[in-house]
Amino acid sequence: MADFKVLIIEDNFPIRKLFTTLLKKSSFEVAEFDSAGDGIEWLKSNKPDVIILDILLPDITGTDAILIIKGMDGMQDIPVIAVTGFAADTDKEKYLSAGFSHYMTKPVNVATFAQEVKSFIK
């Protein structure tokens, strides 16, 4: 049985598959989607322990998606990690103030990624 359930919303297929593989190797149960709309729809009947959310998505941005997610019943306490290629000094503060619990830049460290995600779970 999986230790934790994670939702990954990432439109880049190779990156999404990398995240999924790394997390499954660490006993996470993974649900993955390439659009915020599909991930949000999944959340209507599922509750993950953590959400990994890309910022640039094909349908709506991660910063818009987090507003929707945090407005859903029972989702306020779920940690949401922004994972993005944006790595300017001001980006971390921007995403944390937008409602994200944590911020990680791409490329992620494959050796520590699953442990970092696990550390964000309350």
C-alpha atoms as a PDB file:
ATOM      1  CA  MET A   1       0.000   0.000   0.000  1.00  0.00           C
ATOM      2  CA  ALA A   2       1.178   3.519  -0.782  1.00  0.00           C
ATOM      3  CA  ASP A   3       2.487   5.740   1.984  1.00  0.00           C
ATOM      4  CA  PHE A   4       1.127   8.971   0.495  1.00  0.00           C
ATOM      5  CA  LYS A   5      -1.127  10.062  -2.345  1.00  0.00           C
ATOM      6  CA  VAL A   6       0.167  12.795  -4.644  1.00  0.00           C
ATOM      7  CA  LEU A   7      -1.504  14.690  -7.469  1.00  0.00           C
ATOM      8  CA  ILE A   8       0.820  15.872 -10.240  1.00  0.00           C
ATOM      9  CA  ILE A   9      -0.428  18.512 -12.677  1.00  0.00           C
ATOM     10  CA  GLU A  10       2.314  18.969 -15.277  1.00  0.00           C
ATOM     11  CA  ASP A  11       1.829  19.327 -19.033  1.00  0.00           C
ATOM     12  CA  ASN A  12       5.368  18.342 -20.055  1.00  0.00           C
ATOM     13  CA  PHE A  13       5.131  14.572 -20.562  1.00  0.00           C
ATOM     14  CA  PRO A  14       8.795  13.640 -19.888  1.00  0.00           C
ATOM     15  CA  ILE A  15       8.879  15.751 -16.713  1.00  0.00           C
ATOM     16  CA  ARG A  16       5.538  14.361 -15.499  1.00  0.00           C
ATOM     17  CA  LYS A  17       6.734  10.796 -16.104  1.00  0.00           C
ATOM     18  CA  LEU A  18      10.011  11.519 -14.278  1.00  0.00           C
ATOM     19  CA  PHE A  19       8.124  12.891 -11.256  1.00  0.00           C
ATOM     20  CA  THR A  20       5.756   9.908 -11.326  1.00  0.00           C
ATOM     21  CA  THR A  21       8.584   7.371 -11.535  1.00  0.00           C
ATOM     22  CA  LEU A  22      10.589   8.977  -8.728  1.00  0.00           C
ATOM     23  CA  LEU A  23       7.566   9.181  -6.430  1.00  0.00           C
ATOM     24  CA  LYS A  24       6.300   5.657  -7.154  1.00  0.00           C
ATOM     25  CA  LYS A  25       9.772   4.294  -6.313  1.00  0.00           C
ATOM     26  CA  SER A  26       9.305   5.945  -2.904  1.00  0.00           C
ATOM     27  CA  SER A  27       5.905   4.279  -2.350  1.00  0.00           C
ATOM     28  CA  PHE A  28       3.719   7.235  -3.329  1.00  0.00           C
ATOM     29  CA  GLU A  29       0.379   6.616  -4.991  1.00  0.00           C
ATOM     30  CA  VAL A  30       0.345   8.983  -7.977  1.00  0.00           C
ATOM     31  CA  ALA A  31      -2.461  10.589  -9.979  1.00  0.00           C
ATOM     32  CA  GLU A  32      -1.144  12.612 -12.910  1.00  0.00           C
ATOM     33  CA  PHE A  33      -2.741  15.039 -15.318  1.00  0.00           C
ATOM     34  CA  ASP A  34      -1.501  17.301 -18.101  1.00  0.00           C
ATOM     35  CA  SER A  35      -4.004  20.093 -17.474  1.00  0.00           C
ATOM     36  CA  ALA A  36      -5.243  21.968 -14.425  1.00  0.00           C
ATOM     37  CA  GLY A  37      -8.868  21.362 -15.408  1.00  0.00           C
ATOM     38  CA  ASP A  38      -8.449  17.580 -15.368  1.00  0.00           C
ATOM     39  CA  GLY A  39      -6.571  17.690 -12.070  1.00  0.00           C
ATOM     40  CA  ILE A  40      -9.214  19.903 -10.478  1.00  0.00           C
ATOM     41  CA  GLU A  41     -11.937  17.559 -11.716  1.00  0.00           C
ATOM     42  CA  TRP A  42     -10.094  14.619 -10.075  1.00  0.00           C
ATOM     43  CA  LEU A  43      -9.936  16.575  -6.800  1.00  0.00           C
ATOM     44  CA  LYS A  44     -13.735  16.694  -6.644  1.00  0.00           C
ATOM     45  CA  SER A  45     -13.741  13.027  -5.586  1.00  0.00           C
ATOM     46  CA  ASN A  46     -10.189  12.482  -4.284  1.00  0.00           C
ATOM     47  CA  LYS A  47      -8.009  13.988  -1.566  1.00  0.00           C
ATOM     48  CA  PRO A  48      -4.240  13.764  -1.996  1.00  0.00           C
ATOM     49  CA  ASP A  49      -1.637  14.323   0.707  1.00  0.00           C
ATOM     50  CA  VAL A  50       0.230  16.775  -1.518  1.00  0.00           C
ATOM     51  CA  ILE A  51      -0.194  18.454  -4.932  1.00  0.00           C
ATOM     52  CA  ILE A  52       2.624  19.205  -7.375  1.00  0.00           C
ATOM     53  CA  LEU A  53       1.476  21.975  -9.694  1.00  0.00           C
ATOM     54  CA  ASP A  54       3.296  23.386 -12.709  1.00  0.00           C
ATOM     55  CA  ILE A  55       2.922  27.119 -13.302  1.00  0.00           C
ATOM     56  CA  LEU A  56       2.646  27.161 -17.110  1.00  0.00           C
ATOM     57  CA  LEU A  57      -0.189  24.881 -18.167  1.00  0.00           C
ATOM     58  CA  PRO A  58      -2.190  24.708 -21.423  1.00  0.00           C
ATOM     59  CA  ASP A  59      -5.586  25.603 -19.959  1.00  0.00           C
ATOM     60  CA  ILE A  60      -5.070  27.891 -16.954  1.00  0.00           C
ATOM     61  CA  THR A  61      -1.969  28.967 -15.057  1.00  0.00           C
ATOM     62  CA  GLY A  62      -0.882  27.304 -11.852  1.00  0.00           C
ATOM     63  CA  THR A  63      -1.470  30.583 -10.011  1.00  0.00           C
ATOM     64  CA  ASP A  64      -5.101  30.584 -11.185  1.00  0.00           C
ATOM     65  CA  ALA A  65      -5.461  26.858 -10.480  1.00  0.00           C
ATOM     66  CA  ILE A  66      -4.317  27.204  -6.875  1.00  0.00           C
ATOM     67  CA  LEU A  67      -7.070  29.744  -6.212  1.00  0.00           C
ATOM     68  CA  ILE A  68      -9.632  27.226  -7.450  1.00  0.00           C
ATOM     69  CA  ILE A  69      -8.047  24.353  -5.508  1.00  0.00           C
ATOM     70  CA  LYS A  70      -7.799  26.282  -2.235  1.00  0.00           C
ATOM     71  CA  GLY A  71     -11.454  27.274  -2.655  1.00  0.00           C
ATOM     72  CA  MET A  72     -12.598  23.645  -2.801  1.00  0.00           C
ATOM     73  CA  ASP A  73     -14.002  21.894   0.266  1.00  0.00           C
ATOM     74  CA  GLY A  74     -11.302  20.120   2.245  1.00  0.00           C
ATOM     75  CA  MET A  75      -8.375  21.365   0.154  1.00  0.00           C
ATOM     76  CA  GLN A  76      -7.224  24.314   2.293  1.00  0.00           C
ATOM     77  CA  ASP A  77      -4.720  22.242   4.306  1.00  0.00           C
ATOM     78  CA  ILE A  78      -3.276  20.266   1.387  1.00  0.00           C
ATOM     79  CA  PRO A  79       0.283  21.414   0.637  1.00  0.00           C
ATOM     80  CA  VAL A  80       0.647  22.607  -2.960  1.00  0.00           C
ATOM     81  CA  ILE A  81       4.150  22.731  -4.415  1.00  0.00           C
ATOM     82  CA  ALA A  82       4.864  25.082  -7.316  1.00  0.00           C
ATOM     83  CA  VAL A  83       7.304  23.375  -9.662  1.00  0.00           C
ATOM     84  CA  THR A  84       8.538  25.694 -12.365  1.00  0.00           C
ATOM     85  CA  GLY A  85      11.402  26.678 -14.596  1.00  0.00           C
ATOM     86  CA  PHE A  86      11.096  30.239 -13.348  1.00  0.00           C
ATOM     87  CA  ALA A  87      14.016  30.764 -10.996  1.00  0.00           C
ATOM     88  CA  ALA A  88      14.429  34.515 -10.604  1.00  0.00           C
ATOM     89  CA  ASP A  89      15.023  35.804  -7.094  1.00  0.00           C
ATOM     90  CA  THR A  90      11.499  37.233  -6.929  1.00  0.00           C
ATOM     91  CA  ASP A  91       9.705  34.107  -8.190  1.00  0.00           C
ATOM     92  CA  LYS A  92       9.776  32.153  -4.928  1.00  0.00           C
ATOM     93  CA  GLU A  93       8.150  35.002  -2.984  1.00  0.00           C
ATOM     94  CA  LYS A  94       5.624  35.562  -5.779  1.00  0.00           C
ATOM     95  CA  TYR A  95       4.434  31.947  -5.735  1.00  0.00           C
ATOM     96  CA  LEU A  96       4.408  31.614  -1.956  1.00  0.00           C
ATOM     97  CA  SER A  97       2.329  34.796  -1.679  1.00  0.00           C
ATOM     98  CA  ALA A  98      -0.033  33.401  -4.353  1.00  0.00           C
ATOM     99  CA  GLY A  99      -0.937  30.553  -1.997  1.00  0.00           C
ATOM    100  CA  PHE A 100       1.594  27.838  -2.761  1.00  0.00           C
ATOM    101  CA  SER A 101       2.999  26.056   0.285  1.00  0.00           C
ATOM    102  CA  HIS A 102       6.391  25.418  -1.287  1.00  0.00           C
ATOM    103  CA  TYR A 103       8.410  26.171  -4.399  1.00  0.00           C
ATOM    104  CA  MET A 104      10.809  23.964  -6.388  1.00  0.00           C
ATOM    105  CA  THR A 105      12.665  24.846  -9.564  1.00  0.00           C
ATOM    106  CA  LYS A 106      13.209  22.652 -12.594  1.00  0.00           C
ATOM    107  CA  PRO A 107      15.266  20.725 -13.167  1.00  0.00           C
ATOM    108  CA  VAL A 108      14.618  18.971  -9.868  1.00  0.00           C
ATOM    109  CA  ASN A 109      17.299  16.992  -8.064  1.00  0.00           C
ATOM    110  CA  VAL A 110      16.337  13.405  -8.908  1.00  0.00           C
ATOM    111  CA  ALA A 111      18.287  12.044  -5.923  1.00  0.00           C
ATOM    112  CA  THR A 112      16.296  14.097  -3.393  1.00  0.00           C
ATOM    113  CA  PHE A 113      12.989  14.896  -5.142  1.00  0.00           C
ATOM    114  CA  ALA A 114      10.783  12.273  -3.436  1.00  0.00           C
ATOM    115  CA  GLN A 115      12.222  13.061  -0.004  1.00  0.00           C
ATOM    116  CA  GLU A 116      11.673  16.792  -0.562  1.00  0.00           C
ATOM    117  CA  VAL A 117       8.049  16.164  -1.535  1.00  0.00           C
ATOM    118  CA  LYS A 118       7.585  13.911   1.508  1.00  0.00           C
ATOM    119  CA  SER A 119       9.015  16.628   3.782  1.00  0.00           C
ATOM    120  CA  PHE A 120       6.246  19.023   2.696  1.00  0.00           C
ATOM    121  CA  ILE A 121       3.462  16.692   3.864  1.00  0.00           C
ATOM    122  CA  LYS A 122       2.041  17.632   7.248  1.00  0.00           C
END
